[in-house]
N, C-alpha and C. Protein backbone atom coordinates (compact mmCIF):
# COMPACT_ATOMS: atom_id res chain seq x y z
N MET A 1 -0.87 -25.69 -4.31
CA MET A 1 -0.95 -24.04 -3.69
C MET A 1 -2.11 -23.40 -4.16
N LYS A 2 -2.60 -23.51 -2.50
CA LYS A 2 -3.52 -23.07 -2.80
C LYS A 2 -2.81 -21.13 -1.93
N LYS A 3 -4.77 -20.59 -1.96
CA LYS A 3 -4.63 -19.20 -1.70
C LYS A 3 -6.01 -18.43 -2.07
N LYS A 4 -5.97 -17.73 -0.84
CA LYS A 4 -6.91 -16.47 -1.12
C LYS A 4 -6.87 -14.69 -1.58
N LEU A 5 -7.69 -13.97 -1.68
CA LEU A 5 -7.48 -13.07 -1.93
C LEU A 5 -9.49 -12.19 -2.46
N SER A 6 -8.70 -10.72 -1.90
CA SER A 6 -10.32 -10.03 -2.48
C SER A 6 -10.44 -9.08 -3.13
N PHE A 7 -10.50 -9.51 -4.79
CA PHE A 7 -10.65 -8.95 -5.32
C PHE A 7 -11.60 -8.50 -6.08
N LEU A 8 -11.92 -7.97 -7.34
CA LEU A 8 -12.72 -7.09 -7.32
C LEU A 8 -14.41 -8.15 -7.62
N GLY A 9 -15.43 -8.11 -7.81
CA GLY A 9 -16.92 -7.43 -7.18
C GLY A 9 -17.77 -7.66 -8.73
N ILE A 10 -17.48 -8.20 -9.73
CA ILE A 10 -18.86 -7.57 -10.86
C ILE A 10 -19.99 -8.63 -10.32
N ALA A 11 -20.86 -7.45 -10.98
CA ALA A 11 -22.28 -7.95 -10.42
C ALA A 11 -22.64 -7.76 -11.77
N VAL A 12 -23.72 -9.00 -12.13
CA VAL A 12 -23.89 -8.35 -13.55
C VAL A 12 -25.60 -9.41 -13.42
N CYS A 13 -26.46 -8.72 -14.26
CA CYS A 13 -27.75 -10.15 -14.57
C CYS A 13 -27.97 -10.01 -15.40
N LEU A 14 -28.62 -11.16 -15.89
CA LEU A 14 -28.70 -12.36 -16.87
C LEU A 14 -30.03 -12.19 -17.17
N LEU A 15 -30.34 -11.37 -18.40
CA LEU A 15 -31.64 -11.46 -18.86
C LEU A 15 -32.47 -12.37 -19.79
N VAL A 16 -32.75 -13.53 -20.10
CA VAL A 16 -32.52 -14.30 -21.30
C VAL A 16 -31.97 -14.42 -22.26
N VAL A 17 -31.09 -13.84 -22.41
CA VAL A 17 -30.48 -13.29 -22.79
C VAL A 17 -28.82 -12.69 -23.45
N SER A 18 -28.85 -11.34 -23.06
CA SER A 18 -27.78 -11.17 -22.22
C SER A 18 -28.29 -10.09 -20.65
N ILE A 19 -27.21 -9.70 -20.42
CA ILE A 19 -26.98 -9.60 -19.46
C ILE A 19 -26.57 -8.19 -19.12
N ILE A 20 -28.07 -7.45 -18.02
CA ILE A 20 -29.15 -6.19 -18.46
C ILE A 20 -28.95 -5.24 -16.45
N GLY A 21 -28.16 -4.33 -17.00
CA GLY A 21 -28.32 -3.33 -15.74
C GLY A 21 -26.99 -4.11 -14.39
N GLY A 22 -26.09 -4.33 -15.60
CA GLY A 22 -25.48 -5.75 -14.28
C GLY A 22 -23.88 -4.28 -13.32
N SER A 23 -23.80 -4.49 -12.64
CA SER A 23 -22.72 -3.53 -11.61
C SER A 23 -21.88 -4.17 -11.04
N ILE A 24 -20.37 -3.59 -11.91
CA ILE A 24 -19.28 -4.28 -11.64
C ILE A 24 -17.74 -3.64 -10.08
N ALA A 25 -18.24 -4.24 -9.14
CA ALA A 25 -17.41 -4.20 -8.31
C ALA A 25 -16.04 -3.93 -7.77
N TYR A 26 -15.40 -3.87 -8.02
CA TYR A 26 -13.68 -4.13 -7.26
C TYR A 26 -13.42 -3.76 -6.55
N PHE A 27 -12.42 -3.88 -6.49
CA PHE A 27 -11.80 -3.17 -5.17
C PHE A 27 -11.52 -1.77 -4.67
N ARG A 28 -10.99 -1.85 -3.09
CA ARG A 28 -11.25 -0.06 -3.31
C ARG A 28 -9.67 0.23 -4.10
N ALA A 29 -11.13 1.15 -4.28
CA ALA A 29 -9.70 2.11 -5.31
C ALA A 29 -9.23 3.54 -5.01
N ASP A 30 -8.31 4.22 -4.47
CA ASP A 30 -7.77 4.74 -3.82
C ASP A 30 -7.69 6.10 -5.13
N SER A 31 -7.51 7.10 -4.76
CA SER A 31 -7.34 8.38 -5.75
C SER A 31 -5.72 8.89 -6.18
N ASP A 32 -5.28 8.71 -4.74
CA ASP A 32 -4.19 9.46 -5.03
C ASP A 32 -3.29 8.31 -6.30
N ALA A 33 -1.95 8.72 -6.21
CA ALA A 33 -1.06 8.49 -7.87
C ALA A 33 -1.60 7.02 -7.56
N ARG A 34 -0.82 5.98 -6.53
CA ARG A 34 -0.79 5.38 -6.70
C ARG A 34 -1.47 4.27 -6.94
N ASN A 35 -2.47 4.35 -6.74
CA ASN A 35 -4.06 3.63 -6.38
C ASN A 35 -4.02 2.50 -6.23
N ILE A 36 -3.43 2.91 -5.27
CA ILE A 36 -3.83 0.94 -4.39
C ILE A 36 -5.06 0.84 -3.78
N ILE A 37 -5.13 -0.15 -4.27
CA ILE A 37 -6.20 -0.99 -3.58
C ILE A 37 -6.92 -2.45 -2.00
N SER A 38 -5.75 -2.25 -2.51
CA SER A 38 -5.37 -3.35 -0.89
C SER A 38 -4.77 -3.90 -0.10
N ALA A 39 -4.60 -3.96 0.85
CA ALA A 39 -2.85 -3.38 1.14
C ALA A 39 -3.01 -5.58 2.84
N GLY A 40 -1.60 -5.40 2.24
CA GLY A 40 -1.84 -7.68 2.82
C GLY A 40 -0.40 -7.03 3.60
N ASN A 41 -0.17 -7.96 3.78
CA ASN A 41 0.94 -8.05 5.16
C ASN A 41 2.56 -7.25 4.18
N LEU A 42 3.04 -7.42 4.88
CA LEU A 42 5.29 -6.71 5.23
C LEU A 42 5.10 -5.76 4.49
N GLY A 43 3.97 -4.64 3.97
CA GLY A 43 3.63 -3.75 3.46
C GLY A 43 3.80 -4.02 1.39
N VAL A 44 2.53 -5.23 1.35
CA VAL A 44 2.57 -5.46 -0.02
C VAL A 44 1.48 -4.84 -0.54
N GLU A 45 0.94 -4.52 -1.37
CA GLU A 45 -0.11 -3.63 -1.67
C GLU A 45 -0.46 -4.36 -2.67
N LEU A 46 -1.78 -3.84 -2.84
CA LEU A 46 -2.79 -4.11 -4.19
C LEU A 46 -2.78 -3.39 -5.25
N GLN A 47 -2.50 -3.22 -6.91
CA GLN A 47 -2.64 -1.48 -6.63
C GLN A 47 -3.52 -1.54 -8.99
N LEU A 48 -3.53 -0.68 -9.26
CA LEU A 48 -3.58 -0.77 -10.26
C LEU A 48 -3.01 0.59 -11.38
N ASP A 49 -3.33 -0.50 -12.29
CA ASP A 49 -2.49 0.21 -14.00
C ASP A 49 -2.31 1.76 -13.76
N GLU A 50 -1.84 2.13 -14.08
CA GLU A 50 -1.68 4.61 -14.14
C GLU A 50 -2.69 4.29 -15.34
N GLY A 51 -3.78 5.36 -15.02
CA GLY A 51 -4.53 5.85 -16.60
C GLY A 51 -5.76 4.75 -17.36
N VAL A 52 -5.73 4.24 -16.11
CA VAL A 52 -6.91 3.02 -16.49
C VAL A 52 -8.41 3.41 -15.83
N ASP A 53 -9.88 3.03 -16.71
CA ASP A 53 -10.24 5.13 -16.99
C ASP A 53 -10.99 3.54 -14.97
N LYS A 54 -11.27 4.99 -14.90
CA LYS A 54 -11.53 5.00 -13.54
C LYS A 54 -13.43 5.26 -13.28
N GLN A 55 -13.70 6.23 -14.70
CA GLN A 55 -15.30 6.76 -14.45
C GLN A 55 -16.17 6.43 -13.63
N HIS A 56 -16.69 5.23 -13.35
CA HIS A 56 -17.63 4.60 -12.82
C HIS A 56 -16.58 4.02 -11.11
N VAL A 57 -16.12 4.34 -10.89
CA VAL A 57 -15.31 3.95 -9.77
C VAL A 57 -16.34 4.65 -8.01
N ARG A 58 -16.94 4.11 -7.60
CA ARG A 58 -17.97 4.89 -6.77
C ARG A 58 -16.93 4.05 -4.89
N ASN A 59 -16.84 4.57 -3.95
CA ASN A 59 -15.98 4.48 -3.33
C ASN A 59 -15.21 3.05 -3.35
N ASN A 60 -15.81 2.06 -2.51
CA ASN A 60 -15.09 1.01 -2.32
C ASN A 60 -14.95 -0.14 -3.50
N GLY A 61 -16.41 0.81 -4.44
CA GLY A 61 -15.91 -0.02 -5.79
C GLY A 61 -15.79 0.47 -7.03
N LEU A 62 -16.10 -0.57 -7.88
CA LEU A 62 -16.66 0.57 -9.22
C LEU A 62 -17.17 -0.71 -9.90
N LEU A 63 -18.40 0.43 -9.97
CA LEU A 63 -19.76 -0.14 -10.70
C LEU A 63 -19.82 -0.21 -12.19
N THR A 64 -20.95 -0.16 -12.88
CA THR A 64 -20.91 -0.40 -14.77
C THR A 64 -22.41 -0.80 -14.58
N SER A 65 -22.85 -1.06 -15.62
CA SER A 65 -23.77 -1.85 -16.31
C SER A 65 -23.19 -1.84 -18.33
N GLY A 66 -24.59 -2.99 -18.36
CA GLY A 66 -24.58 -3.93 -19.51
C GLY A 66 -24.39 -4.72 -20.02
N ALA A 67 -23.51 -5.25 -19.04
CA ALA A 67 -22.28 -6.11 -19.28
C ALA A 67 -22.90 -7.96 -20.02
N LEU A 68 -22.42 -7.76 -20.89
CA LEU A 68 -22.80 -8.90 -21.83
C LEU A 68 -21.96 -10.48 -21.54
N PRO A 69 -22.69 -10.95 -21.35
CA PRO A 69 -22.38 -12.96 -22.08
C PRO A 69 -20.62 -12.78 -22.73
N GLY A 70 -20.05 -12.72 -22.34
CA GLY A 70 -18.69 -12.34 -23.22
C GLY A 70 -17.47 -11.32 -23.14
N THR A 71 -18.82 -9.88 -22.67
CA THR A 71 -18.13 -8.79 -22.13
C THR A 71 -16.54 -9.60 -21.75
N GLU A 72 -15.29 -8.58 -21.66
CA GLU A 72 -14.04 -8.60 -20.86
C GLU A 72 -13.88 -6.94 -20.19
N ILE A 73 -13.78 -7.04 -19.71
CA ILE A 73 -13.60 -6.16 -18.25
C ILE A 73 -12.27 -5.82 -17.95
N ALA A 74 -11.62 -4.96 -18.98
CA ALA A 74 -9.67 -4.65 -18.27
C ALA A 74 -10.44 -4.16 -16.91
N TYR A 75 -9.32 -4.97 -16.13
CA TYR A 75 -8.69 -4.69 -14.60
C TYR A 75 -6.94 -5.10 -14.26
N PRO A 76 -5.95 -4.39 -14.98
CA PRO A 76 -4.89 -4.34 -14.51
C PRO A 76 -4.45 -4.51 -13.40
N VAL A 77 -4.28 -5.50 -12.16
CA VAL A 77 -3.69 -5.31 -11.16
C VAL A 77 -2.81 -6.04 -10.34
N PHE A 78 -1.38 -5.50 -9.95
CA PHE A 78 -0.70 -6.19 -10.05
C PHE A 78 -0.17 -5.64 -8.59
N ALA A 79 0.69 -6.78 -7.72
CA ALA A 79 1.44 -6.58 -6.52
C ALA A 79 2.43 -5.71 -6.06
N HIS A 80 2.20 -4.88 -5.36
CA HIS A 80 3.58 -3.69 -5.50
C HIS A 80 4.88 -4.07 -4.12
N ASN A 81 5.16 -4.30 -3.79
CA ASN A 81 6.57 -3.92 -2.76
C ASN A 81 6.80 -2.67 -1.88
N ASN A 82 5.98 -2.67 -0.96
CA ASN A 82 6.16 -1.31 -0.93
C ASN A 82 7.24 -1.07 1.17
N GLY A 83 7.39 -2.38 1.61
CA GLY A 83 8.40 -2.85 2.79
C GLY A 83 9.11 -3.11 2.34
N ASP A 84 10.22 -3.27 3.69
CA ASP A 84 11.32 -2.90 3.73
C ASP A 84 12.23 -3.89 2.88
N TYR A 85 11.60 -5.35 3.42
CA TYR A 85 12.07 -6.53 3.08
C TYR A 85 11.99 -6.93 1.46
N ASP A 86 12.70 -7.19 0.73
CA ASP A 86 12.47 -9.12 -0.55
C ASP A 86 11.13 -9.38 0.16
N SER A 87 11.00 -9.40 -0.69
CA SER A 87 9.24 -11.07 -0.36
C SER A 87 8.96 -11.51 -1.33
N TYR A 88 8.36 -12.78 -0.87
CA TYR A 88 7.45 -13.31 -2.11
C TYR A 88 6.11 -13.55 -1.66
N ILE A 89 5.61 -13.25 -3.07
CA ILE A 89 4.09 -12.66 -2.98
C ILE A 89 3.69 -13.53 -3.57
N ARG A 90 2.40 -13.45 -2.90
CA ARG A 90 1.04 -15.05 -3.09
C ARG A 90 -0.18 -14.32 -2.89
N VAL A 91 -1.23 -14.31 -4.38
CA VAL A 91 -2.50 -14.13 -3.85
C VAL A 91 -3.34 -14.84 -4.41
N THR A 92 -5.22 -13.95 -3.83
CA THR A 92 -5.39 -15.20 -3.19
C THR A 92 -7.13 -14.59 -4.25
N LEU A 93 -7.85 -15.94 -5.49
CA LEU A 93 -8.56 -14.61 -5.90
C LEU A 93 -9.29 -15.94 -5.37
N THR A 94 -10.65 -15.53 -5.23
CA THR A 94 -11.89 -15.90 -5.35
C THR A 94 -12.42 -16.27 -5.90
N ARG A 95 -13.89 -16.32 -7.10
CA ARG A 95 -14.52 -15.90 -7.42
C ARG A 95 -15.72 -16.86 -7.05
N TYR A 96 -16.80 -15.97 -7.35
CA TYR A 96 -18.69 -16.78 -6.97
C TYR A 96 -19.45 -15.72 -7.43
N TRP A 97 -20.68 -16.28 -7.32
CA TRP A 97 -22.23 -15.68 -7.94
C TRP A 97 -22.71 -15.38 -6.20
N GLU A 98 -24.00 -14.15 -6.62
CA GLU A 98 -24.61 -14.50 -5.19
C GLU A 98 -25.57 -13.82 -5.83
N ASP A 99 -26.87 -13.61 -4.75
CA ASP A 99 -27.67 -12.77 -5.16
C ASP A 99 -27.52 -11.40 -4.88
N ARG A 100 -28.53 -10.45 -5.66
CA ARG A 100 -28.97 -9.14 -4.61
C ARG A 100 -28.98 -8.66 -3.67
N GLN A 101 -28.51 -10.26 -2.55
CA GLN A 101 -28.95 -9.46 -1.62
C GLN A 101 -27.57 -10.12 -0.85
N GLY A 102 -26.81 -10.58 -1.48
CA GLY A 102 -24.98 -10.78 -0.87
C GLY A 102 -25.27 -12.41 -0.80
N ASP A 103 -25.89 -13.08 -0.81
CA ASP A 103 -26.49 -14.17 -0.37
C ASP A 103 -24.80 -15.52 -1.38
N LYS A 104 -24.67 -16.24 -1.40
CA LYS A 104 -23.72 -16.89 -2.34
C LYS A 104 -24.35 -17.52 -3.39
N ASN A 105 -24.49 -18.17 -4.39
CA ASN A 105 -25.60 -18.65 -4.68
C ASN A 105 -24.71 -20.44 -5.65
N PHE A 106 -25.34 -21.79 -4.78
CA PHE A 106 -23.97 -22.68 -4.81
C PHE A 106 -23.62 -22.95 -6.65
N ASP A 107 -25.12 -23.65 -6.72
CA ASP A 107 -25.73 -24.43 -8.24
C ASP A 107 -24.85 -23.33 -9.61
N ALA A 108 -24.56 -21.95 -9.08
CA ALA A 108 -24.03 -21.13 -10.37
C ALA A 108 -22.47 -21.47 -10.56
N ASP A 109 -22.41 -21.99 -11.56
CA ASP A 109 -20.92 -22.92 -12.55
C ASP A 109 -19.59 -20.76 -11.71
N ALA A 110 -18.17 -21.07 -11.11
CA ALA A 110 -18.11 -20.27 -10.45
C ALA A 110 -16.65 -20.38 -12.16
N SER A 111 -16.29 -20.14 -12.28
CA SER A 111 -15.30 -21.12 -13.54
C SER A 111 -16.77 -19.65 -15.24
N MET A 112 -17.89 -20.00 -14.86
CA MET A 112 -18.05 -18.60 -15.90
C MET A 112 -17.52 -17.15 -15.50
N ILE A 113 -17.05 -16.80 -14.60
CA ILE A 113 -16.17 -15.55 -13.63
C ILE A 113 -14.70 -16.43 -14.45
N ASN A 114 -14.33 -15.53 -16.24
CA ASN A 114 -13.14 -15.92 -16.38
C ASN A 114 -12.21 -14.81 -15.90
N LEU A 115 -10.86 -15.53 -15.79
CA LEU A 115 -9.30 -14.85 -15.05
C LEU A 115 -8.44 -14.05 -16.90
N VAL A 116 -8.00 -13.61 -16.88
CA VAL A 116 -7.54 -13.61 -17.89
C VAL A 116 -6.77 -12.63 -17.78
N MET A 117 -5.16 -14.18 -18.09
CA MET A 117 -3.77 -13.29 -16.98
C MET A 117 -2.90 -13.84 -18.45
N ASN A 118 -2.25 -12.68 -18.73
CA ASN A 118 -1.94 -12.50 -20.22
C ASN A 118 -0.28 -12.91 -19.92
N ASN A 119 0.29 -12.65 -17.93
CA ASN A 119 1.43 -13.17 -17.99
C ASN A 119 1.52 -14.27 -17.01
N LYS A 120 1.29 -15.09 -18.07
CA LYS A 120 0.81 -16.85 -17.12
C LYS A 120 2.27 -17.37 -16.12
N GLU A 121 3.31 -17.60 -17.11
CA GLU A 121 4.54 -17.64 -17.22
C GLU A 121 5.56 -17.42 -15.66
N GLU A 122 5.22 -16.03 -15.33
CA GLU A 122 5.62 -15.75 -14.51
C GLU A 122 5.35 -15.72 -13.20
N TRP A 123 3.67 -16.80 -12.84
CA TRP A 123 3.78 -16.94 -11.41
C TRP A 123 3.88 -18.34 -12.06
N ILE A 124 2.86 -18.56 -10.33
CA ILE A 124 3.28 -20.43 -10.36
C ILE A 124 1.17 -20.51 -9.63
N ILE A 125 0.61 -20.70 -11.04
CA ILE A 125 -1.14 -21.07 -10.75
C ILE A 125 -1.73 -21.94 -10.66
N ASP A 126 -2.54 -21.83 -9.01
CA ASP A 126 -2.43 -23.63 -8.77
C ASP A 126 -4.42 -22.87 -8.60
N ASP A 127 -5.00 -23.55 -10.10
CA ASP A 127 -6.28 -23.68 -10.24
C ASP A 127 -7.03 -24.57 -9.90
N THR A 128 -6.34 -25.77 -8.73
CA THR A 128 -7.26 -27.41 -8.93
C THR A 128 -8.47 -27.47 -7.93
N ASP A 129 -8.83 -26.03 -7.43
CA ASP A 129 -10.19 -26.27 -6.19
C ASP A 129 -11.15 -26.63 -7.43
N GLU A 130 -11.83 -27.69 -6.49
CA GLU A 130 -12.75 -29.14 -6.91
C GLU A 130 -14.21 -28.15 -7.58
N ASN A 131 -14.21 -26.53 -6.92
CA ASN A 131 -15.49 -26.00 -7.08
C ASN A 131 -14.91 -25.30 -8.23
N GLN A 132 -13.64 -25.27 -8.60
CA GLN A 132 -13.22 -24.53 -9.39
C GLN A 132 -13.30 -21.86 -8.87
N GLU A 133 -13.23 -22.38 -7.45
CA GLU A 133 -13.72 -20.75 -7.58
C GLU A 133 -12.36 -20.58 -6.57
N VAL A 134 -11.11 -20.71 -5.87
CA VAL A 134 -9.28 -20.31 -5.33
C VAL A 134 -9.32 -20.78 -6.17
N VAL A 135 -8.20 -19.13 -6.40
CA VAL A 135 -7.33 -19.58 -8.04
C VAL A 135 -5.90 -19.35 -6.44
N TYR A 136 -4.72 -19.77 -6.59
CA TYR A 136 -3.91 -19.16 -5.94
C TYR A 136 -2.59 -18.51 -6.35
N LEU A 137 -2.78 -17.97 -6.44
CA LEU A 137 -0.94 -17.69 -7.30
C LEU A 137 0.38 -17.09 -7.15
N TYR A 138 1.81 -17.73 -6.70
CA TYR A 138 3.05 -17.56 -6.53
C TYR A 138 3.60 -16.90 -7.29
N TYR A 139 3.62 -15.19 -6.76
CA TYR A 139 5.04 -15.28 -8.17
C TYR A 139 6.59 -15.84 -7.97
N ARG A 140 7.19 -15.26 -8.75
CA ARG A 140 8.47 -17.11 -8.92
C ARG A 140 8.94 -15.60 -8.16
N LYS A 141 9.37 -15.34 -8.61
CA LYS A 141 10.88 -13.76 -8.02
C LYS A 141 9.97 -13.06 -7.15
N PRO A 142 11.07 -13.41 -6.59
CA PRO A 142 10.96 -12.27 -5.39
C PRO A 142 11.37 -11.23 -5.05
N VAL A 143 10.59 -10.50 -4.80
CA VAL A 143 10.08 -8.85 -5.47
C VAL A 143 10.54 -7.69 -4.97
N THR A 144 11.44 -7.36 -5.14
CA THR A 144 12.69 -6.34 -4.46
C THR A 144 11.77 -5.56 -3.58
N SER A 145 12.38 -4.60 -2.68
CA SER A 145 11.10 -3.78 -2.24
C SER A 145 11.79 -2.50 -3.21
N GLY A 146 10.11 -1.90 -2.83
CA GLY A 146 10.51 -0.89 -4.00
C GLY A 146 9.56 -1.55 -5.22
N MET A 147 9.79 -2.24 -5.56
CA MET A 147 9.69 -3.22 -6.82
C MET A 147 7.42 -3.36 -6.84
N SER A 148 8.10 -4.15 -8.58
CA SER A 148 6.39 -4.70 -8.19
C SER A 148 6.05 -6.24 -9.19
N THR A 149 5.22 -6.95 -8.28
CA THR A 149 4.39 -8.21 -9.54
C THR A 149 4.71 -7.69 -11.43
N GLY A 150 4.60 -8.85 -11.88
CA GLY A 150 3.58 -8.58 -13.45
C GLY A 150 2.17 -8.06 -12.96
N HIS A 151 0.95 -8.26 -14.07
CA HIS A 151 -0.19 -8.09 -13.76
C HIS A 151 -0.61 -9.68 -13.60
N VAL A 152 -1.13 -9.48 -12.13
CA VAL A 152 -1.60 -10.81 -11.33
C VAL A 152 -2.91 -10.81 -12.17
N VAL A 153 -4.04 -10.24 -12.87
CA VAL A 153 -4.56 -10.44 -13.99
C VAL A 153 -5.24 -9.53 -14.48
N ASP A 154 -5.33 -9.20 -16.54
CA ASP A 154 -5.57 -8.50 -16.67
C ASP A 154 -6.76 -8.20 -16.91
N ALA A 155 -7.46 -9.03 -17.08
CA ALA A 155 -8.95 -8.62 -16.74
C ALA A 155 -10.40 -9.83 -16.60
N ILE A 156 -11.31 -9.08 -16.66
CA ILE A 156 -12.28 -10.42 -16.19
C ILE A 156 -13.55 -9.93 -17.39
N GLN A 157 -13.45 -11.74 -17.75
CA GLN A 157 -13.97 -11.94 -18.72
C GLN A 157 -15.67 -12.69 -18.11
N ILE A 158 -17.10 -12.29 -18.69
CA ILE A 158 -18.54 -13.22 -18.19
C ILE A 158 -18.14 -13.73 -19.50
N GLY A 159 -18.14 -15.77 -18.95
CA GLY A 159 -18.17 -16.48 -19.52
C GLY A 159 -19.54 -16.91 -21.08
N ASN A 160 -19.79 -16.96 -21.52
CA ASN A 160 -20.89 -17.89 -22.22
C ASN A 160 -21.89 -18.19 -22.13
N ILE A 161 -22.38 -17.55 -21.01
CA ILE A 161 -23.65 -18.88 -20.66
C ILE A 161 -24.60 -19.26 -21.37
N SER A 162 -24.77 -20.14 -21.34
CA SER A 162 -25.56 -20.86 -22.35
C SER A 162 -27.45 -20.20 -21.62
N SER A 163 -28.49 -20.74 -23.76
CA SER A 163 -29.56 -20.17 -23.53
C SER A 163 -30.12 -20.80 -22.49
N SER A 164 -30.49 -22.18 -22.72
CA SER A 164 -30.51 -23.07 -20.79
C SER A 164 -30.60 -22.67 -19.54
N GLU A 165 -28.91 -22.41 -19.43
CA GLU A 165 -28.73 -21.50 -18.05
C GLU A 165 -28.83 -20.63 -18.30
N GLN A 166 -29.89 -19.71 -18.52
CA GLN A 166 -29.19 -18.32 -18.12
C GLN A 166 -30.66 -17.60 -17.24
N SER A 167 -31.38 -18.63 -16.90
CA SER A 167 -32.74 -18.53 -16.28
C SER A 167 -31.74 -18.99 -14.28
N LEU A 168 -30.99 -19.63 -14.50
CA LEU A 168 -30.67 -20.00 -13.74
C LEU A 168 -29.93 -18.31 -12.96
N TYR A 169 -28.95 -17.85 -13.72
CA TYR A 169 -27.61 -16.35 -13.99
C TYR A 169 -28.83 -15.72 -14.10
N SER A 170 -30.55 -15.18 -13.77
CA SER A 170 -31.09 -14.12 -14.58
C SER A 170 -31.16 -13.73 -12.40
N GLY A 171 -30.44 -12.18 -12.77
CA GLY A 171 -30.15 -11.86 -11.15
C GLY A 171 -29.15 -11.57 -9.83
N LEU A 172 -28.61 -12.94 -10.59
CA LEU A 172 -27.38 -13.15 -9.63
C LEU A 172 -26.13 -11.79 -9.89
N GLN A 173 -25.43 -11.71 -9.22
CA GLN A 173 -24.04 -11.25 -9.29
C GLN A 173 -22.82 -11.76 -9.64
N ALA A 174 -21.79 -11.68 -10.21
CA ALA A 174 -20.38 -12.47 -10.35
C ALA A 174 -20.12 -11.50 -9.41
N LYS A 175 -18.88 -11.90 -8.61
CA LYS A 175 -18.02 -11.41 -7.47
C LYS A 175 -16.69 -12.31 -8.00
N VAL A 176 -15.64 -11.65 -7.68
CA VAL A 176 -13.92 -11.60 -7.89
C VAL A 176 -13.36 -11.53 -6.31
N ASP A 177 -13.21 -11.79 -5.38
CA ASP A 177 -12.86 -11.59 -3.82
C ASP A 177 -10.43 -11.69 -4.66
N VAL A 178 -10.22 -11.05 -4.18
CA VAL A 178 -8.98 -10.46 -3.85
C VAL A 178 -7.74 -10.55 -2.95
N GLU A 179 -7.21 -11.21 -2.10
CA GLU A 179 -6.04 -11.06 -1.59
C GLU A 179 -5.00 -11.12 -1.88
N VAL A 180 -3.91 -10.30 -1.04
CA VAL A 180 -2.09 -10.67 -1.42
C VAL A 180 -1.92 -10.80 -0.11
N ASP A 181 -0.84 -12.25 0.20
CA ASP A 181 0.32 -11.65 1.57
C ASP A 181 1.51 -12.24 0.95
N ALA A 182 2.39 -11.62 2.40
CA ALA A 182 4.24 -12.16 1.14
C ALA A 182 4.40 -12.25 2.30
N ILE A 183 6.14 -13.08 2.18
CA ILE A 183 6.98 -13.43 3.02
C ILE A 183 7.63 -12.56 2.78
N GLN A 184 8.88 -13.12 4.10
CA GLN A 184 9.98 -12.57 3.52
C GLN A 184 11.23 -13.24 3.15
N LYS A 185 11.94 -12.73 1.98
CA LYS A 185 13.26 -13.48 1.35
C LYS A 185 13.46 -13.98 2.57
N ALA A 186 14.27 -13.81 3.78
CA ALA A 186 14.48 -14.08 4.59
C ALA A 186 14.70 -15.42 4.64
N ALA A 187 14.92 -16.95 4.74
CA ALA A 187 14.11 -17.54 5.58
C ALA A 187 13.13 -18.27 5.27
N ALA A 188 13.19 -17.89 3.83
CA ALA A 188 11.43 -18.22 3.50
C ALA A 188 10.86 -19.89 3.28
N GLN A 189 11.19 -20.68 3.22
CA GLN A 189 11.53 -21.89 2.24
C GLN A 189 10.99 -22.39 3.94
N ASP A 190 10.59 -22.06 5.18
CA ASP A 190 10.68 -22.56 6.53
C ASP A 190 9.32 -21.86 7.45
N ALA A 191 8.79 -20.28 6.52
CA ALA A 191 8.32 -19.55 6.73
C ALA A 191 7.29 -20.35 6.02
N MET A 192 7.48 -20.21 4.63
CA MET A 192 5.92 -20.79 3.86
C MET A 192 5.66 -22.37 3.98
N LEU A 193 6.55 -23.22 4.58
CA LEU A 193 5.87 -24.07 5.51
C LEU A 193 4.50 -23.66 6.73
N ALA A 194 5.75 -22.44 7.65
CA ALA A 194 4.97 -23.00 7.98
C ALA A 194 3.13 -22.01 8.65
N GLU A 195 3.66 -20.56 7.49
CA GLU A 195 3.02 -19.68 7.39
C GLU A 195 1.80 -19.67 5.68
N TRP A 196 2.06 -21.03 5.24
CA TRP A 196 1.07 -21.06 3.72
C TRP A 196 1.26 -22.47 4.11
N GLY A 197 1.66 -23.34 4.27
CA GLY A 197 1.29 -24.50 4.38
C GLY A 197 1.90 -25.48 3.44
N MET A 198 2.84 -24.78 2.35
CA MET A 198 3.24 -24.81 1.81
C MET A 198 4.73 -25.45 1.37
N ASP A 199 5.19 -26.66 0.97
CA ASP A 199 7.05 -26.97 0.48
C ASP A 199 7.35 -26.60 -1.19
N VAL A 200 8.02 -25.31 -0.91
CA VAL A 200 8.04 -24.88 -1.49
C VAL A 200 9.90 -24.20 -2.35
N GLU A 201 10.07 -25.02 -3.34
CA GLU A 201 11.49 -25.47 -4.00
C GLU A 201 11.83 -24.20 -5.13
N PHE A 202 13.22 -24.39 -4.66
CA PHE A 202 13.03 -22.89 -5.56
C PHE A 202 14.49 -23.15 -6.14
N ASP A 203 15.01 -22.41 -7.70
CA ASP A 203 16.19 -22.55 -8.42
C ASP A 203 17.16 -21.17 -8.10
N ASP A 204 18.68 -22.26 -8.14
CA ASP A 204 19.74 -21.46 -8.03
C ASP A 204 19.66 -20.08 -7.90
N ASN A 205 18.55 -18.82 -8.81
CA ASN A 205 18.71 -17.75 -8.33
C ASN A 205 17.40 -17.02 -7.16
N GLY A 206 17.31 -18.45 -6.52
CA GLY A 206 16.27 -18.06 -5.47
C GLY A 206 14.43 -18.49 -6.49
N ASN A 207 14.58 -18.29 -6.95
CA ASN A 207 13.13 -17.94 -8.16
C ASN A 207 12.40 -19.33 -7.43
N ILE A 208 11.06 -19.32 -7.42
CA ILE A 208 10.01 -20.54 -7.20
C ILE A 208 9.76 -21.44 -8.36
N VAL A 209 9.94 -22.42 -8.24
CA VAL A 209 10.24 -23.86 -8.77
C VAL A 209 8.70 -24.66 -8.86
N SER A 210 8.16 -25.02 -7.63
CA SER A 210 7.71 -25.77 -7.65
C SER A 210 6.79 -24.78 -6.06
N VAL A 211 5.31 -25.95 -5.89
CA VAL A 211 5.24 -25.19 -5.22
C VAL A 211 4.11 -26.69 -4.10
N VAL A 212 3.54 -26.87 -3.68
CA VAL A 212 3.21 -28.52 -3.18
C VAL A 212 2.87 -28.20 -1.94
N GLU A 213 1.21 -28.89 -1.58
CA GLU A 213 0.73 -28.21 0.39
C GLU A 213 1.09 -29.94 0.79
């Protein structure tokens, strides 16, 4: 099971022993009550929890500084079905390092950008990408119109980069892109195969129990 999303971007600068003056750019964060960050098809949206500290939100991102290796940045994101149909939801997270010009660094380890997920049991997670960059998450239950999933992620954590690797990461930015899409519950099995290229198995309650490419 695999997929992609365009989510938060964490920009961090590593200097010898710590990351200094880094910036973290997340999804688009609207100022309305729903805290919509991104919209997919069939009316599905990515939203932020109410009450999340947004003091660093700037236009299409969130900026922060002073992130040290091991630092955890709270970012409770979930998908909301704002459409007219009950749907199955998939979220794609793509994490990678880039320089300040926005060019991807292919030598930096994407797994040093840790995804903190406290509700893993609610999702079928495909993190088998050989480069450890792309993570696909399939919400097990169909989401009723007007309802939401549990958190996709709860936070992003900068890995404990060893001193011997600091020169590689110095000046790099860590970025996580997140995308969301959905498939209508009706005739979902055939649609998932056609649209996602996935063979999906359901239990008697309509919950996803396996996803195979």
